[in-house]
mmCIF file of all heavy atoms, coordinates in Angstrom:
data_MODEL
# 
_entry.id   MODEL 
# 
loop_
_atom_site.group_PDB 
_atom_site.id 
_atom_site.type_symbol 
_atom_site.label_atom_id 
_atom_site.label_alt_id 
_atom_site.label_comp_id 
_atom_site.label_asym_id 
_atom_site.label_entity_id 
_atom_site.label_seq_id 
_atom_site.pdbx_PDB_ins_code 
_atom_site.Cartn_x 
_atom_site.Cartn_y 
_atom_site.Cartn_z 
_atom_site.occupancy 
_atom_site.B_iso_or_equiv 
_atom_site.pdbx_formal_charge 
_atom_site.auth_seq_id 
_atom_site.auth_comp_id 
_atom_site.auth_asym_id 
_atom_site.auth_atom_id 
_atom_site.pdbx_PDB_model_num 
ATOM 1   N N   . SER A 1 1  ? 32.978 -187.684 45.920 1.00 0.00 ? 1  SER A N   1 
ATOM 2   C CA  . SER A 1 1  ? 34.243 -187.164 45.403 1.00 0.00 ? 1  SER A CA  1 
ATOM 3   C C   . SER A 1 1  ? 35.298 -188.197 45.312 1.00 0.00 ? 1  SER A C   1 
ATOM 4   O O   . SER A 1 1  ? 35.436 -189.034 46.213 1.00 0.00 ? 1  SER A O   1 
ATOM 5   C CB  . SER A 1 1  ? 34.723 -185.964 46.281 1.00 0.00 ? 1  SER A CB  1 
ATOM 6   O OG  . SER A 1 1  ? 36.022 -185.642 46.035 1.00 0.00 ? 1  SER A OG  1 
ATOM 7   N N   . GLN A 1 2  ? 36.085 -188.207 44.261 1.00 0.00 ? 2  GLN A N   1 
ATOM 8   C CA  . GLN A 1 2  ? 37.218 -189.154 44.166 1.00 0.00 ? 2  GLN A CA  1 
ATOM 9   C C   . GLN A 1 2  ? 38.247 -188.897 45.258 1.00 0.00 ? 2  GLN A C   1 
ATOM 10  O O   . GLN A 1 2  ? 38.936 -189.833 45.724 1.00 0.00 ? 2  GLN A O   1 
ATOM 11  C CB  . GLN A 1 2  ? 37.898 -189.033 42.798 1.00 0.00 ? 2  GLN A CB  1 
ATOM 12  C CG  . GLN A 1 2  ? 36.986 -189.451 41.636 1.00 0.00 ? 2  GLN A CG  1 
ATOM 13  C CD  . GLN A 1 2  ? 36.741 -190.961 41.611 1.00 0.00 ? 2  GLN A CD  1 
ATOM 14  O OE1 . GLN A 1 2  ? 37.575 -191.702 41.168 1.00 0.00 ? 2  GLN A OE1 1 
ATOM 15  N NE2 . GLN A 1 2  ? 35.555 -191.369 42.111 1.00 0.00 ? 2  GLN A NE2 1 
ATOM 16  N N   . ALA A 1 3  ? 38.337 -187.646 45.709 1.00 0.00 ? 3  ALA A N   1 
ATOM 17  C CA  . ALA A 1 3  ? 39.318 -187.302 46.739 1.00 0.00 ? 3  ALA A CA  1 
ATOM 18  C C   . ALA A 1 3  ? 39.020 -188.001 48.070 1.00 0.00 ? 3  ALA A C   1 
ATOM 19  O O   . ALA A 1 3  ? 39.934 -188.295 48.835 1.00 0.00 ? 3  ALA A O   1 
ATOM 20  C CB  . ALA A 1 3  ? 39.349 -185.767 46.961 1.00 0.00 ? 3  ALA A CB  1 
ATOM 21  N N   . PHE A 1 4  ? 37.710 -188.284 48.333 1.00 0.00 ? 4  PHE A N   1 
ATOM 22  C CA  . PHE A 1 4  ? 37.360 -189.019 49.551 1.00 0.00 ? 4  PHE A CA  1 
ATOM 23  C C   . PHE A 1 4  ? 38.087 -190.385 49.569 1.00 0.00 ? 4  PHE A C   1 
ATOM 24  O O   . PHE A 1 4  ? 38.672 -190.760 50.609 1.00 0.00 ? 4  PHE A O   1 
ATOM 25  C CB  . PHE A 1 4  ? 35.890 -189.244 49.642 1.00 0.00 ? 4  PHE A CB  1 
ATOM 26  C CG  . PHE A 1 4  ? 35.494 -190.170 50.788 1.00 0.00 ? 4  PHE A CG  1 
ATOM 27  C CD1 . PHE A 1 4  ? 35.288 -189.650 52.055 1.00 0.00 ? 4  PHE A CD1 1 
ATOM 28  C CD2 . PHE A 1 4  ? 35.360 -191.538 50.614 1.00 0.00 ? 4  PHE A CD2 1 
ATOM 29  C CE1 . PHE A 1 4  ? 34.979 -190.510 53.135 1.00 0.00 ? 4  PHE A CE1 1 
ATOM 30  C CE2 . PHE A 1 4  ? 35.045 -192.406 51.658 1.00 0.00 ? 4  PHE A CE2 1 
ATOM 31  C CZ  . PHE A 1 4  ? 34.853 -191.860 52.927 1.00 0.00 ? 4  PHE A CZ  1 
ATOM 32  N N   . TRP A 1 5  ? 38.021 -191.082 48.488 1.00 0.00 ? 5  TRP A N   1 
ATOM 33  C CA  . TRP A 1 5  ? 38.643 -192.449 48.428 1.00 0.00 ? 5  TRP A CA  1 
ATOM 34  C C   . TRP A 1 5  ? 40.156 -192.374 48.489 1.00 0.00 ? 5  TRP A C   1 
ATOM 35  O O   . TRP A 1 5  ? 40.802 -193.259 49.057 1.00 0.00 ? 5  TRP A O   1 
ATOM 36  C CB  . TRP A 1 5  ? 38.152 -193.157 47.147 1.00 0.00 ? 5  TRP A CB  1 
ATOM 37  C CG  . TRP A 1 5  ? 36.642 -193.148 47.094 1.00 0.00 ? 5  TRP A CG  1 
ATOM 38  C CD1 . TRP A 1 5  ? 35.823 -192.347 46.319 1.00 0.00 ? 5  TRP A CD1 1 
ATOM 39  C CD2 . TRP A 1 5  ? 35.754 -193.915 47.897 1.00 0.00 ? 5  TRP A CD2 1 
ATOM 40  N NE1 . TRP A 1 5  ? 34.532 -192.595 46.576 1.00 0.00 ? 5  TRP A NE1 1 
ATOM 41  C CE2 . TRP A 1 5  ? 34.421 -193.553 47.541 1.00 0.00 ? 5  TRP A CE2 1 
ATOM 42  C CE3 . TRP A 1 5  ? 35.938 -194.912 48.889 1.00 0.00 ? 5  TRP A CE3 1 
ATOM 43  C CZ2 . TRP A 1 5  ? 33.301 -194.105 48.134 1.00 0.00 ? 5  TRP A CZ2 1 
ATOM 44  C CZ3 . TRP A 1 5  ? 34.819 -195.445 49.488 1.00 0.00 ? 5  TRP A CZ3 1 
ATOM 45  C CH2 . TRP A 1 5  ? 33.506 -195.097 49.108 1.00 0.00 ? 5  TRP A CH2 1 
ATOM 46  N N   . ASP A 1 6  ? 40.723 -191.314 47.919 1.00 0.00 ? 6  ASP A N   1 
ATOM 47  C CA  . ASP A 1 6  ? 42.185 -191.096 48.050 1.00 0.00 ? 6  ASP A CA  1 
ATOM 48  C C   . ASP A 1 6  ? 42.557 -190.965 49.541 1.00 0.00 ? 6  ASP A C   1 
ATOM 49  O O   . ASP A 1 6  ? 43.526 -191.601 50.018 1.00 0.00 ? 6  ASP A O   1 
ATOM 50  C CB  . ASP A 1 6  ? 42.628 -189.868 47.299 1.00 0.00 ? 6  ASP A CB  1 
ATOM 51  C CG  . ASP A 1 6  ? 42.499 -189.998 45.829 1.00 0.00 ? 6  ASP A CG  1 
ATOM 52  O OD1 . ASP A 1 6  ? 42.502 -191.128 45.298 1.00 0.00 ? 6  ASP A OD1 1 
ATOM 53  O OD2 . ASP A 1 6  ? 42.388 -188.961 45.112 1.00 0.00 ? 6  ASP A OD2 1 
ATOM 54  N N   . HIS A 1 7  ? 41.822 -190.122 50.258 1.00 0.00 ? 7  HIS A N   1 
ATOM 55  C CA  . HIS A 1 7  ? 42.054 -189.944 51.691 1.00 0.00 ? 7  HIS A CA  1 
ATOM 56  C C   . HIS A 1 7  ? 41.892 -191.262 52.447 1.00 0.00 ? 7  HIS A C   1 
ATOM 57  O O   . HIS A 1 7  ? 42.692 -191.612 53.330 1.00 0.00 ? 7  HIS A O   1 
ATOM 58  C CB  . HIS A 1 7  ? 41.103 -188.879 52.272 1.00 0.00 ? 7  HIS A CB  1 
ATOM 59  C CG  . HIS A 1 7  ? 41.446 -187.485 51.953 1.00 0.00 ? 7  HIS A CG  1 
ATOM 60  N ND1 . HIS A 1 7  ? 42.623 -186.859 52.402 1.00 0.00 ? 7  HIS A ND1 1 
ATOM 61  C CD2 . HIS A 1 7  ? 40.811 -186.533 51.227 1.00 0.00 ? 7  HIS A CD2 1 
ATOM 62  C CE1 . HIS A 1 7  ? 42.652 -185.623 51.996 1.00 0.00 ? 7  HIS A CE1 1 
ATOM 63  N NE2 . HIS A 1 7  ? 41.542 -185.365 51.250 1.00 0.00 ? 7  HIS A NE2 1 
ATOM 64  N N   . LEU A 1 8  ? 40.819 -191.965 52.117 1.00 0.00 ? 8  LEU A N   1 
ATOM 65  C CA  . LEU A 1 8  ? 40.532 -193.220 52.822 1.00 0.00 ? 8  LEU A CA  1 
ATOM 66  C C   . LEU A 1 8  ? 41.650 -194.235 52.617 1.00 0.00 ? 8  LEU A C   1 
ATOM 67  O O   . LEU A 1 8  ? 42.024 -194.904 53.557 1.00 0.00 ? 8  LEU A O   1 
ATOM 68  C CB  . LEU A 1 8  ? 39.193 -193.784 52.317 1.00 0.00 ? 8  LEU A CB  1 
ATOM 69  C CG  . LEU A 1 8  ? 38.716 -195.057 52.994 1.00 0.00 ? 8  LEU A CG  1 
ATOM 70  C CD1 . LEU A 1 8  ? 38.395 -194.820 54.482 1.00 0.00 ? 8  LEU A CD1 1 
ATOM 71  C CD2 . LEU A 1 8  ? 37.498 -195.635 52.308 1.00 0.00 ? 8  LEU A CD2 1 
ATOM 72  N N   . ARG A 1 9  ? 42.178 -194.317 51.402 1.00 0.00 ? 9  ARG A N   1 
ATOM 73  C CA  . ARG A 1 9  ? 43.244 -195.289 51.113 1.00 0.00 ? 9  ARG A CA  1 
ATOM 74  C C   . ARG A 1 9  ? 44.497 -194.953 51.917 1.00 0.00 ? 9  ARG A C   1 
ATOM 75  O O   . ARG A 1 9  ? 45.138 -195.854 52.443 1.00 0.00 ? 9  ARG A O   1 
ATOM 76  C CB  . ARG A 1 9  ? 43.546 -195.221 49.597 1.00 0.00 ? 9  ARG A CB  1 
ATOM 77  C CG  . ARG A 1 9  ? 44.726 -196.153 49.203 1.00 0.00 ? 9  ARG A CG  1 
ATOM 78  C CD  . ARG A 1 9  ? 44.336 -197.620 49.291 1.00 0.00 ? 9  ARG A CD  1 
ATOM 79  N NE  . ARG A 1 9  ? 45.403 -198.543 48.985 1.00 0.00 ? 9  ARG A NE  1 
ATOM 80  C CZ  . ARG A 1 9  ? 45.815 -198.833 47.760 1.00 0.00 ? 9  ARG A CZ  1 
ATOM 81  N NH1 . ARG A 1 9  ? 45.247 -198.255 46.679 1.00 0.00 ? 9  ARG A NH1 1 
ATOM 82  N NH2 . ARG A 1 9  ? 46.777 -199.732 47.566 1.00 0.00 ? 9  ARG A NH2 1 
ATOM 83  N N   . GLN A 1 10 ? 44.787 -193.692 52.072 1.00 0.00 ? 10 GLN A N   1 
ATOM 84  C CA  . GLN A 1 10 ? 45.952 -193.286 52.869 1.00 0.00 ? 10 GLN A CA  1 
ATOM 85  C C   . GLN A 1 10 ? 45.726 -193.602 54.359 1.00 0.00 ? 10 GLN A C   1 
ATOM 86  O O   . GLN A 1 10 ? 46.646 -193.973 55.086 1.00 0.00 ? 10 GLN A O   1 
ATOM 87  C CB  . GLN A 1 10 ? 46.202 -191.801 52.693 1.00 0.00 ? 10 GLN A CB  1 
ATOM 88  C CG  . GLN A 1 10 ? 46.658 -191.384 51.288 1.00 0.00 ? 10 GLN A CG  1 
ATOM 89  C CD  . GLN A 1 10 ? 46.725 -189.885 51.124 1.00 0.00 ? 10 GLN A CD  1 
ATOM 90  O OE1 . GLN A 1 10 ? 46.527 -189.124 52.042 1.00 0.00 ? 10 GLN A OE1 1 
ATOM 91  N NE2 . GLN A 1 10 ? 47.030 -189.476 49.895 1.00 0.00 ? 10 GLN A NE2 1 
ATOM 92  N N   . ASP A 1 11 ? 44.487 -193.458 54.781 1.00 0.00 ? 11 ASP A N   1 
ATOM 93  C CA  . ASP A 1 11 ? 44.124 -193.616 56.197 1.00 0.00 ? 11 ASP A CA  1 
ATOM 94  C C   . ASP A 1 11 ? 43.948 -195.098 56.604 1.00 0.00 ? 11 ASP A C   1 
ATOM 95  O O   . ASP A 1 11 ? 44.332 -195.468 57.707 1.00 0.00 ? 11 ASP A O   1 
ATOM 96  C CB  . ASP A 1 11 ? 42.781 -192.870 56.404 1.00 0.00 ? 11 ASP A CB  1 
ATOM 97  C CG  . ASP A 1 11 ? 42.544 -192.566 57.903 1.00 0.00 ? 11 ASP A CG  1 
ATOM 98  O OD1 . ASP A 1 11 ? 43.443 -192.774 58.699 1.00 0.00 ? 11 ASP A OD1 1 
ATOM 99  O OD2 . ASP A 1 11 ? 41.440 -192.101 58.182 1.00 0.00 ? 11 ASP A OD2 1 
ATOM 100 N N   . GLU A 1 12 ? 43.432 -195.931 55.683 1.00 0.00 ? 12 GLU A N   1 
ATOM 101 C CA  . GLU A 1 12 ? 43.082 -197.290 56.042 1.00 0.00 ? 12 GLU A CA  1 
ATOM 102 C C   . GLU A 1 12 ? 43.974 -198.366 55.437 1.00 0.00 ? 12 GLU A C   1 
ATOM 103 O O   . GLU A 1 12 ? 44.018 -199.498 55.892 1.00 0.00 ? 12 GLU A O   1 
ATOM 104 C CB  . GLU A 1 12 ? 41.631 -197.595 55.616 1.00 0.00 ? 12 GLU A CB  1 
ATOM 105 C CG  . GLU A 1 12 ? 40.600 -197.344 56.691 1.00 0.00 ? 12 GLU A CG  1 
ATOM 106 C CD  . GLU A 1 12 ? 40.710 -198.294 57.842 1.00 0.00 ? 12 GLU A CD  1 
ATOM 107 O OE1 . GLU A 1 12 ? 40.763 -199.537 57.635 1.00 0.00 ? 12 GLU A OE1 1 
ATOM 108 O OE2 . GLU A 1 12 ? 40.755 -197.831 58.978 1.00 0.00 ? 12 GLU A OE2 1 
ATOM 109 N N   . ASN A 1 13 ? 44.706 -198.061 54.388 1.00 0.00 ? 13 ASN A N   1 
ATOM 110 C CA  . ASN A 1 13 ? 45.640 -198.972 53.792 1.00 0.00 ? 13 ASN A CA  1 
ATOM 111 C C   . ASN A 1 13 ? 45.014 -200.302 53.420 1.00 0.00 ? 13 ASN A C   1 
ATOM 112 O O   . ASN A 1 13 ? 45.450 -201.399 53.787 1.00 0.00 ? 13 ASN A O   1 
ATOM 113 C CB  . ASN A 1 13 ? 46.856 -199.243 54.732 1.00 0.00 ? 13 ASN A CB  1 
ATOM 114 C CG  . ASN A 1 13 ? 47.961 -199.999 54.008 1.00 0.00 ? 13 ASN A CG  1 
ATOM 115 O OD1 . ASN A 1 13 ? 48.172 -199.839 52.801 1.00 0.00 ? 13 ASN A OD1 1 
ATOM 116 N ND2 . ASN A 1 13 ? 48.678 -200.823 54.749 1.00 0.00 ? 13 ASN A ND2 1 
ATOM 117 N N   . PHE A 1 14 ? 43.871 -200.231 52.681 1.00 0.00 ? 14 PHE A N   1 
ATOM 118 C CA  . PHE A 1 14 ? 43.178 -201.430 52.248 1.00 0.00 ? 14 PHE A CA  1 
ATOM 119 C C   . PHE A 1 14 ? 43.506 -201.711 50.750 1.00 0.00 ? 14 PHE A C   1 
ATOM 120 O O   . PHE A 1 14 ? 44.020 -200.879 50.061 1.00 0.00 ? 14 PHE A O   1 
ATOM 121 C CB  . PHE A 1 14 ? 41.646 -201.250 52.395 1.00 0.00 ? 14 PHE A CB  1 
ATOM 122 C CG  . PHE A 1 14 ? 41.123 -200.056 51.600 1.00 0.00 ? 14 PHE A CG  1 
ATOM 123 C CD1 . PHE A 1 14 ? 40.649 -200.212 50.310 1.00 0.00 ? 14 PHE A CD1 1 
ATOM 124 C CD2 . PHE A 1 14 ? 41.069 -198.783 52.185 1.00 0.00 ? 14 PHE A CD2 1 
ATOM 125 C CE1 . PHE A 1 14 ? 40.138 -199.141 49.598 1.00 0.00 ? 14 PHE A CE1 1 
ATOM 126 C CE2 . PHE A 1 14 ? 40.564 -197.719 51.468 1.00 0.00 ? 14 PHE A CE2 1 
ATOM 127 C CZ  . PHE A 1 14 ? 40.120 -197.914 50.165 1.00 0.00 ? 14 PHE A CZ  1 
ATOM 128 N N   . ASP A 1 15 ? 43.237 -202.926 50.379 1.00 0.00 ? 15 ASP A N   1 
ATOM 129 C CA  . ASP A 1 15 ? 43.404 -203.331 48.958 1.00 0.00 ? 15 ASP A CA  1 
ATOM 130 C C   . ASP A 1 15 ? 42.090 -203.120 48.251 1.00 0.00 ? 15 ASP A C   1 
ATOM 131 O O   . ASP A 1 15 ? 41.147 -203.828 48.493 1.00 0.00 ? 15 ASP A O   1 
ATOM 132 C CB  . ASP A 1 15 ? 43.849 -204.812 48.909 1.00 0.00 ? 15 ASP A CB  1 
ATOM 133 C CG  . ASP A 1 15 ? 44.042 -205.305 47.479 1.00 0.00 ? 15 ASP A CG  1 
ATOM 134 O OD1 . ASP A 1 15 ? 43.741 -204.580 46.518 1.00 0.00 ? 15 ASP A OD1 1 
ATOM 135 O OD2 . ASP A 1 15 ? 44.476 -206.465 47.330 1.00 0.00 ? 15 ASP A OD2 1 
ATOM 136 N N   . PRO A 1 16 ? 42.018 -202.149 47.319 1.00 0.00 ? 16 PRO A N   1 
ATOM 137 C CA  . PRO A 1 16 ? 40.746 -201.877 46.668 1.00 0.00 ? 16 PRO A CA  1 
ATOM 138 C C   . PRO A 1 16 ? 40.109 -203.091 45.997 1.00 0.00 ? 16 PRO A C   1 
ATOM 139 O O   . PRO A 1 16 ? 38.884 -203.295 46.054 1.00 0.00 ? 16 PRO A O   1 
ATOM 140 C CB  . PRO A 1 16 ? 41.096 -200.814 45.628 1.00 0.00 ? 16 PRO A CB  1 
ATOM 141 C CG  . PRO A 1 16 ? 42.320 -200.144 46.172 1.00 0.00 ? 16 PRO A CG  1 
ATOM 142 C CD  . PRO A 1 16 ? 43.106 -201.207 46.887 1.00 0.00 ? 16 PRO A CD  1 
ATOM 143 N N   . ALA A 1 17 ? 40.971 -203.949 45.416 1.00 0.00 ? 17 ALA A N   1 
ATOM 144 C CA  . ALA A 1 17 ? 40.459 -205.126 44.724 1.00 0.00 ? 17 ALA A CA  1 
ATOM 145 C C   . ALA A 1 17 ? 39.796 -206.139 45.648 1.00 0.00 ? 17 ALA A C   1 
ATOM 146 O O   . ALA A 1 17 ? 38.974 -206.941 45.233 1.00 0.00 ? 17 ALA A O   1 
ATOM 147 C CB  . ALA A 1 17 ? 41.569 -205.810 43.915 1.00 0.00 ? 17 ALA A CB  1 
ATOM 148 N N   . ARG A 1 18 ? 40.176 -206.106 46.926 1.00 0.00 ? 18 ARG A N   1 
ATOM 149 C CA  . ARG A 1 18 ? 39.675 -207.015 47.914 1.00 0.00 ? 18 ARG A CA  1 
ATOM 150 C C   . ARG A 1 18 ? 38.785 -206.320 48.964 1.00 0.00 ? 18 ARG A C   1 
ATOM 151 O O   . ARG A 1 18 ? 38.691 -206.708 50.086 1.00 0.00 ? 18 ARG A O   1 
ATOM 152 C CB  . ARG A 1 18 ? 40.834 -207.770 48.584 1.00 0.00 ? 18 ARG A CB  1 
ATOM 153 C CG  . ARG A 1 18 ? 41.623 -208.645 47.685 1.00 0.00 ? 18 ARG A CG  1 
ATOM 154 C CD  . ARG A 1 18 ? 42.698 -209.469 48.385 1.00 0.00 ? 18 ARG A CD  1 
ATOM 155 N NE  . ARG A 1 18 ? 42.070 -210.326 49.416 1.00 0.00 ? 18 ARG A NE  1 
ATOM 156 C CZ  . ARG A 1 18 ? 41.591 -211.555 49.146 1.00 0.00 ? 18 ARG A CZ  1 
ATOM 157 N NH1 . ARG A 1 18 ? 41.576 -212.009 47.901 1.00 0.00 ? 18 ARG A NH1 1 
ATOM 158 N NH2 . ARG A 1 18 ? 41.089 -212.257 50.117 1.00 0.00 ? 18 ARG A NH2 1 
ATOM 159 N N   . THR A 1 19 ? 38.130 -205.264 48.494 1.00 0.00 ? 19 THR A N   1 
ATOM 160 C CA  . THR A 1 19 ? 37.268 -204.441 49.344 1.00 0.00 ? 19 THR A CA  1 
ATOM 161 C C   . THR A 1 19 ? 35.852 -204.394 48.780 1.00 0.00 ? 19 THR A C   1 
ATOM 162 O O   . THR A 1 19 ? 35.642 -204.231 47.589 1.00 0.00 ? 19 THR A O   1 
ATOM 163 C CB  . THR A 1 19 ? 37.853 -203.008 49.457 1.00 0.00 ? 19 THR A CB  1 
ATOM 164 O OG1 . THR A 1 19 ? 39.126 -203.063 50.086 1.00 0.00 ? 19 THR A OG1 1 
ATOM 165 C CG2 . THR A 1 19 ? 36.904 -202.112 50.260 1.00 0.00 ? 19 THR A CG2 1 
ATOM 166 N N   . LEU A 1 20 ? 34.885 -204.529 49.713 1.00 0.00 ? 20 LEU A N   1 
ATOM 167 C CA  . LEU A 1 20 ? 33.483 -204.435 49.362 1.00 0.00 ? 20 LEU A CA  1 
ATOM 168 C C   . LEU A 1 20 ? 32.922 -203.159 49.980 1.00 0.00 ? 20 LEU A C   1 
ATOM 169 O O   . LEU A 1 20 ? 33.127 -202.862 51.134 1.00 0.00 ? 20 LEU A O   1 
ATOM 170 C CB  . LEU A 1 20 ? 32.713 -205.632 49.917 1.00 0.00 ? 20 LEU A CB  1 
ATOM 171 C CG  . LEU A 1 20 ? 31.194 -205.557 49.981 1.00 0.00 ? 20 LEU A CG  1 
ATOM 172 C CD1 . LEU A 1 20 ? 30.560 -205.496 48.601 1.00 0.00 ? 20 LEU A CD1 1 
ATOM 173 C CD2 . LEU A 1 20 ? 30.602 -206.737 50.764 1.00 0.00 ? 20 LEU A CD2 1 
ATOM 174 N N   . LEU A 1 21 ? 32.181 -202.375 49.194 1.00 0.00 ? 21 LEU A N   1 
ATOM 175 C CA  . LEU A 1 21 ? 31.428 -201.233 49.681 1.00 0.00 ? 21 LEU A CA  1 
ATOM 176 C C   . LEU A 1 21 ? 29.946 -201.545 49.556 1.00 0.00 ? 21 LEU A C   1 
ATOM 177 O O   . LEU A 1 21 ? 29.471 -201.947 48.517 1.00 0.00 ? 21 LEU A O   1 
ATOM 178 C CB  . LEU A 1 21 ? 31.713 -199.953 48.872 1.00 0.00 ? 21 LEU A CB  1 
ATOM 179 C CG  . LEU A 1 21 ? 30.793 -198.781 49.161 1.00 0.00 ? 21 LEU A CG  1 
ATOM 180 C CD1 . LEU A 1 21 ? 30.969 -198.236 50.562 1.00 0.00 ? 21 LEU A CD1 1 
ATOM 181 C CD2 . LEU A 1 21 ? 30.975 -197.652 48.112 1.00 0.00 ? 21 LEU A CD2 1 
ATOM 182 N N   . ILE A 1 22 ? 29.212 -201.366 50.668 1.00 0.00 ? 22 ILE A N   1 
ATOM 183 C CA  . ILE A 1 22 ? 27.753 -201.518 50.648 1.00 0.00 ? 22 ILE A CA  1 
ATOM 184 C C   . ILE A 1 22 ? 27.140 -200.154 50.947 1.00 0.00 ? 22 ILE A C   1 
ATOM 185 O O   . ILE A 1 22 ? 27.455 -199.544 51.970 1.00 0.00 ? 22 ILE A O   1 
ATOM 186 C CB  . ILE A 1 22 ? 27.275 -202.542 51.702 1.00 0.00 ? 22 ILE A CB  1 
ATOM 187 C CG1 . ILE A 1 22 ? 28.028 -203.864 51.564 1.00 0.00 ? 22 ILE A CG1 1 
ATOM 188 C CG2 . ILE A 1 22 ? 25.771 -202.770 51.572 1.00 0.00 ? 22 ILE A CG2 1 
ATOM 189 C CD1 . ILE A 1 22 ? 27.665 -204.899 52.586 1.00 0.00 ? 22 ILE A CD1 1 
ATOM 190 N N   . ASP A 1 23 ? 26.315 -199.673 50.022 1.00 0.00 ? 23 ASP A N   1 
ATOM 191 C CA  . ASP A 1 23 ? 25.781 -198.279 50.144 1.00 0.00 ? 23 ASP A CA  1 
ATOM 192 C C   . ASP A 1 23 ? 24.472 -198.215 49.401 1.00 0.00 ? 23 ASP A C   1 
ATOM 193 O O   . ASP A 1 23 ? 24.279 -198.855 48.389 1.00 0.00 ? 23 ASP A O   1 
ATOM 194 C CB  . ASP A 1 23 ? 26.791 -197.284 49.509 1.00 0.00 ? 23 ASP A CB  1 
ATOM 195 C CG  . ASP A 1 23 ? 26.683 -195.866 50.073 1.00 0.00 ? 23 ASP A CG  1 
ATOM 196 O OD1 . ASP A 1 23 ? 25.553 -195.300 49.931 1.00 0.00 ? 23 ASP A OD1 1 
ATOM 197 O OD2 . ASP A 1 23 ? 27.657 -195.351 50.598 1.00 0.00 ? 23 ASP A OD2 1 
ATOM 198 N N   . ASP A 1 24 ? 23.545 -197.397 49.906 1.00 0.00 ? 24 ASP A N   1 
ATOM 199 C CA  . ASP A 1 24 ? 22.288 -197.233 49.193 1.00 0.00 ? 24 ASP A CA  1 
ATOM 200 C C   . ASP A 1 24 ? 22.283 -196.092 48.172 1.00 0.00 ? 24 ASP A C   1 
ATOM 201 O O   . ASP A 1 24 ? 21.346 -195.937 47.425 1.00 0.00 ? 24 ASP A O   1 
ATOM 202 C CB  . ASP A 1 24 ? 21.114 -197.017 50.205 1.00 0.00 ? 24 ASP A CB  1 
ATOM 203 C CG  . ASP A 1 24 ? 21.266 -195.667 50.936 1.00 0.00 ? 24 ASP A CG  1 
ATOM 204 O OD1 . ASP A 1 24 ? 22.332 -195.462 51.573 1.00 0.00 ? 24 ASP A OD1 1 
ATOM 205 O OD2 . ASP A 1 24 ? 20.309 -194.860 50.891 1.00 0.00 ? 24 ASP A OD2 1 
ATOM 206 N N   . SER A 1 25 ? 23.359 -195.308 48.167 1.00 0.00 ? 25 SER A N   1 
ATOM 207 C CA  . SER A 1 25 ? 23.455 -194.174 47.260 1.00 0.00 ? 25 SER A CA  1 
ATOM 208 C C   . SER A 1 25 ? 24.100 -194.617 45.960 1.00 0.00 ? 25 SER A C   1 
ATOM 209 O O   . SER A 1 25 ? 25.254 -195.045 45.902 1.00 0.00 ? 25 SER A O   1 
ATOM 210 C CB  . SER A 1 25 ? 24.293 -193.065 47.866 1.00 0.00 ? 25 SER A CB  1 
ATOM 211 O OG  . SER A 1 25 ? 24.631 -192.085 46.882 1.00 0.00 ? 25 SER A OG  1 
# 
């Protein structure tokens, strides 16, 4: 869900452009 990433951004205050996600899904 897009809402997950919205929550995460509020919670973690990361820069999306300087973030790496590693996932098998």
